[in-house]
């Protein structure tokens, strides 16, 4: 399994278990976009790909929020998925 595939599986597993932490910045971005915690969780669980970014962050793409709109997130993987930002 590739590093990207393993990271996506880890992200989806943590998100499915509800192990998601939203940073202050990501919380502000959620407010700006009208996104809820459930939207973030749904986008993480339904994501189709991720790729490594600087500072050991992962750009998670292809997932959709609860309304079916695409939501891209940047996360770190720790004991939980830490959402750094979203767009």
N, C-alpha and C. Protein backbone atom coordinates (compact mmCIF):
# COMPACT_ATOMS: atom_id res chain seq x y z
N UNK A 1 0.85 -1.17 0.00
CA UNK A 1 0.00 0.00 0.00
C UNK A 1 0.90 1.25 0.00
N UNK A 2 0.58 2.21 -0.84
CA UNK A 2 1.37 3.44 -0.91
C UNK A 2 1.17 4.29 0.34
N UNK A 3 2.09 5.23 0.54
CA UNK A 3 1.99 6.13 1.69
C UNK A 3 0.68 6.93 1.64
N UNK A 4 0.30 7.37 0.45
CA UNK A 4 -0.94 8.14 0.30
C UNK A 4 -2.16 7.29 0.62
N UNK A 5 -2.18 6.07 0.12
CA UNK A 5 -3.31 5.18 0.37
C UNK A 5 -3.42 4.85 1.86
N UNK A 6 -2.29 4.65 2.52
CA UNK A 6 -2.30 4.36 3.96
C UNK A 6 -2.79 5.57 4.74
N UNK A 7 -2.32 6.76 4.36
CA UNK A 7 -2.76 7.98 5.04
C UNK A 7 -4.27 8.18 4.88
N UNK A 8 -4.79 7.96 3.67
CA UNK A 8 -6.23 8.12 3.43
C UNK A 8 -7.01 7.12 4.28
N UNK A 9 -6.54 5.89 4.35
CA UNK A 9 -7.21 4.88 5.18
C UNK A 9 -7.19 5.29 6.65
N UNK A 10 -6.07 5.80 7.12
CA UNK A 10 -5.96 6.26 8.51
C UNK A 10 -6.91 7.43 8.77
N UNK A 11 -6.93 8.38 7.86
CA UNK A 11 -7.81 9.56 8.00
C UNK A 11 -9.26 9.13 8.04
N UNK A 12 -9.66 8.26 7.12
CA UNK A 12 -11.05 7.81 7.07
C UNK A 12 -11.42 7.02 8.33
N UNK A 13 -10.50 6.19 8.80
CA UNK A 13 -10.77 5.41 10.01
C UNK A 13 -10.94 6.29 11.23
N UNK A 14 -10.04 7.25 11.40
CA UNK A 14 -10.14 8.17 12.53
C UNK A 14 -11.41 9.01 12.45
N UNK A 15 -11.73 9.50 11.25
CA UNK A 15 -12.94 10.31 11.07
C UNK A 15 -14.19 9.48 11.34
N UNK A 16 -14.21 8.25 10.87
CA UNK A 16 -15.37 7.37 11.11
C UNK A 16 -15.59 7.13 12.59
N UNK A 17 -14.49 7.07 13.35
CA UNK A 17 -14.57 6.86 14.79
C UNK A 17 -14.85 8.16 15.55
N UNK A 18 -14.99 9.28 14.83
CA UNK A 18 -15.26 10.56 15.46
C UNK A 18 -14.04 11.21 16.08
N UNK A 19 -12.87 10.72 15.73
CA UNK A 19 -11.63 11.27 16.29
C UNK A 19 -11.13 12.40 15.40
N UNK A 20 -11.81 13.53 15.50
CA UNK A 20 -11.52 14.72 14.68
C UNK A 20 -11.34 15.90 15.61
N UNK A 21 -10.27 16.64 15.42
CA UNK A 21 -10.03 17.89 16.14
C UNK A 21 -9.98 19.00 15.10
N UNK A 22 -10.69 20.08 15.35
CA UNK A 22 -10.73 21.21 14.43
C UNK A 22 -9.91 22.35 15.02
N UNK A 23 -8.90 22.80 14.29
CA UNK A 23 -8.07 23.92 14.77
C UNK A 23 -8.89 25.21 14.78
N UNK A 24 -8.38 26.20 15.47
CA UNK A 24 -9.05 27.50 15.52
C UNK A 24 -9.22 28.07 14.10
N UNK A 25 -8.15 27.99 13.30
CA UNK A 25 -8.22 28.50 11.93
C UNK A 25 -9.29 27.76 11.13
N UNK A 26 -9.30 26.44 11.22
CA UNK A 26 -10.30 25.65 10.48
C UNK A 26 -11.71 25.99 10.95
N UNK A 27 -11.88 26.23 12.24
CA UNK A 27 -13.19 26.61 12.77
C UNK A 27 -13.65 27.93 12.16
N UNK A 28 -12.73 28.88 12.01
CA UNK A 28 -13.06 30.15 11.37
C UNK A 28 -13.45 29.93 9.91
N UNK A 29 -12.71 29.07 9.22
CA UNK A 29 -13.02 28.78 7.82
C UNK A 29 -14.39 28.09 7.69
N UNK A 30 -14.70 27.22 8.64
CA UNK A 30 -16.01 26.57 8.64
C UNK A 30 -17.11 27.62 8.75
N UNK A 31 -16.95 28.58 9.67
CA UNK A 31 -17.93 29.65 9.82
C UNK A 31 -18.09 30.44 8.53
N UNK A 32 -16.98 30.78 7.89
CA UNK A 32 -17.00 31.56 6.65
C UNK A 32 -17.74 30.82 5.54
N UNK A 33 -17.65 29.51 5.52
CA UNK A 33 -18.23 28.71 4.44
C UNK A 33 -19.57 28.06 4.81
N UNK A 34 -20.00 28.27 6.03
CA UNK A 34 -21.26 27.67 6.47
C UNK A 34 -21.16 26.16 6.62
N UNK A 35 -19.96 25.66 6.90
CA UNK A 35 -19.75 24.22 7.06
C UNK A 35 -19.90 23.84 8.53
N UNK A 36 -20.44 22.66 8.76
CA UNK A 36 -20.61 22.15 10.11
C UNK A 36 -19.58 21.05 10.39
N UNK A 37 -19.51 20.63 11.64
CA UNK A 37 -18.64 19.52 12.00
C UNK A 37 -19.05 18.27 11.23
N UNK A 38 -20.36 18.05 11.07
CA UNK A 38 -20.83 16.89 10.31
C UNK A 38 -20.38 16.96 8.85
N UNK A 39 -20.35 18.18 8.27
CA UNK A 39 -19.86 18.34 6.90
C UNK A 39 -18.39 17.93 6.81
N UNK A 40 -17.59 18.35 7.78
CA UNK A 40 -16.17 18.01 7.81
C UNK A 40 -16.00 16.50 7.93
N UNK A 41 -16.72 15.89 8.85
CA UNK A 41 -16.63 14.44 9.04
C UNK A 41 -17.01 13.71 7.76
N UNK A 42 -18.10 14.12 7.14
CA UNK A 42 -18.56 13.46 5.91
C UNK A 42 -17.51 13.59 4.80
N UNK A 43 -16.92 14.77 4.67
CA UNK A 43 -15.91 14.99 3.63
C UNK A 43 -14.67 14.12 3.88
N UNK A 44 -14.28 13.97 5.13
CA UNK A 44 -13.13 13.13 5.45
C UNK A 44 -13.43 11.66 5.16
N UNK A 45 -14.60 11.21 5.54
CA UNK A 45 -14.96 9.80 5.36
C UNK A 45 -15.13 9.44 3.88
N UNK A 46 -15.62 10.39 3.08
CA UNK A 46 -15.89 10.11 1.66
C UNK A 46 -14.75 10.52 0.73
N UNK A 47 -13.67 11.05 1.28
CA UNK A 47 -12.54 11.50 0.45
C UNK A 47 -12.04 10.36 -0.44
N UNK A 48 -11.55 10.75 -1.61
CA UNK A 48 -11.06 9.75 -2.57
C UNK A 48 -9.55 9.78 -2.72
N UNK A 49 -8.89 10.85 -2.24
CA UNK A 49 -7.44 10.91 -2.37
C UNK A 49 -6.86 11.88 -1.36
N UNK A 50 -5.56 11.72 -1.13
CA UNK A 50 -4.83 12.69 -0.32
C UNK A 50 -3.39 12.70 -0.79
N UNK A 51 -2.74 13.83 -0.53
CA UNK A 51 -1.33 13.92 -0.89
C UNK A 51 -0.60 14.73 0.17
N UNK A 52 0.67 14.40 0.32
CA UNK A 52 1.48 15.04 1.34
C UNK A 52 1.73 16.50 0.97
N UNK A 53 1.69 17.34 1.96
CA UNK A 53 1.95 18.77 1.83
C UNK A 53 3.12 19.11 2.76
N UNK A 54 3.65 20.32 2.69
CA UNK A 54 4.71 20.71 3.63
C UNK A 54 4.26 20.59 5.09
N UNK A 55 5.21 20.44 5.98
CA UNK A 55 4.97 20.39 7.42
C UNK A 55 4.16 19.16 7.83
N UNK A 56 4.34 18.06 7.12
CA UNK A 56 3.67 16.79 7.44
C UNK A 56 2.15 16.91 7.46
N UNK A 57 1.64 17.74 6.58
CA UNK A 57 0.19 17.89 6.43
C UNK A 57 -0.27 17.12 5.21
N UNK A 58 -1.54 16.77 5.20
CA UNK A 58 -2.14 16.04 4.08
C UNK A 58 -3.29 16.85 3.51
N UNK A 59 -3.30 17.01 2.18
CA UNK A 59 -4.41 17.65 1.49
C UNK A 59 -5.38 16.53 1.11
N UNK A 60 -6.58 16.58 1.65
CA UNK A 60 -7.57 15.53 1.48
C UNK A 60 -8.64 16.04 0.51
N UNK A 61 -8.81 15.31 -0.61
CA UNK A 61 -9.68 15.78 -1.68
C UNK A 61 -10.69 14.71 -2.08
N UNK A 62 -11.71 15.17 -2.82
CA UNK A 62 -12.68 14.25 -3.40
C UNK A 62 -13.85 13.91 -2.50
N UNK A 63 -13.82 14.40 -1.26
CA UNK A 63 -14.93 14.14 -0.35
C UNK A 63 -16.00 15.21 -0.47
N UNK A 64 -17.20 14.85 -0.06
CA UNK A 64 -18.33 15.78 -0.14
C UNK A 64 -18.93 15.99 1.23
N UNK A 65 -19.47 17.20 1.43
CA UNK A 65 -20.15 17.50 2.69
C UNK A 65 -21.54 16.86 2.69
N UNK A 66 -22.32 17.14 3.69
CA UNK A 66 -23.63 16.52 3.83
C UNK A 66 -24.61 16.91 2.72
N UNK A 67 -24.36 18.03 2.06
CA UNK A 67 -25.20 18.48 0.95
C UNK A 67 -24.71 17.98 -0.40
N UNK A 68 -23.60 17.25 -0.40
CA UNK A 68 -23.05 16.74 -1.66
C UNK A 68 -22.07 17.69 -2.32
N UNK A 69 -21.73 18.80 -1.65
CA UNK A 69 -20.76 19.75 -2.21
C UNK A 69 -19.35 19.29 -1.85
N UNK A 70 -18.43 19.41 -2.81
CA UNK A 70 -17.05 19.00 -2.55
C UNK A 70 -16.41 19.89 -1.50
N UNK A 71 -15.65 19.25 -0.61
CA UNK A 71 -14.97 19.97 0.45
C UNK A 71 -13.56 19.41 0.56
N UNK A 72 -12.56 20.26 0.38
CA UNK A 72 -11.15 19.88 0.48
C UNK A 72 -10.64 20.34 1.83
N UNK A 73 -9.85 19.47 2.48
CA UNK A 73 -9.34 19.77 3.81
C UNK A 73 -7.84 19.55 3.85
N UNK A 74 -7.17 20.27 4.73
CA UNK A 74 -5.76 20.03 5.02
C UNK A 74 -5.71 19.59 6.48
N UNK A 75 -5.09 18.43 6.70
CA UNK A 75 -5.09 17.83 8.03
C UNK A 75 -3.70 17.34 8.41
N UNK A 76 -3.54 17.07 9.67
CA UNK A 76 -2.40 16.30 10.16
C UNK A 76 -2.99 15.04 10.79
N UNK A 77 -2.17 14.01 10.85
CA UNK A 77 -2.61 12.76 11.46
C UNK A 77 -1.84 12.59 12.76
N UNK A 78 -2.58 12.58 13.85
CA UNK A 78 -1.99 12.38 15.17
C UNK A 78 -2.79 11.26 15.83
N UNK A 79 -3.19 11.43 17.07
CA UNK A 79 -4.09 10.47 17.71
C UNK A 79 -5.51 10.67 17.22
N UNK A 80 -5.67 11.74 16.46
CA UNK A 80 -6.93 12.09 15.82
C UNK A 80 -6.57 12.76 14.50
N UNK A 81 -7.58 13.00 13.67
CA UNK A 81 -7.38 13.81 12.48
C UNK A 81 -7.50 15.26 12.94
N UNK A 82 -6.47 16.05 12.74
CA UNK A 82 -6.49 17.46 13.12
C UNK A 82 -6.71 18.26 11.85
N UNK A 83 -7.88 18.91 11.75
CA UNK A 83 -8.21 19.70 10.57
C UNK A 83 -7.55 21.07 10.73
N UNK A 84 -6.63 21.38 9.81
CA UNK A 84 -5.88 22.62 9.87
C UNK A 84 -6.62 23.72 9.13
N UNK A 85 -7.17 23.39 7.95
CA UNK A 85 -7.96 24.35 7.18
C UNK A 85 -8.84 23.57 6.22
N UNK A 86 -9.71 24.31 5.54
CA UNK A 86 -10.59 23.68 4.54
C UNK A 86 -10.96 24.71 3.51
N UNK A 87 -11.33 24.21 2.34
CA UNK A 87 -11.78 25.10 1.25
C UNK A 87 -12.59 24.32 0.27
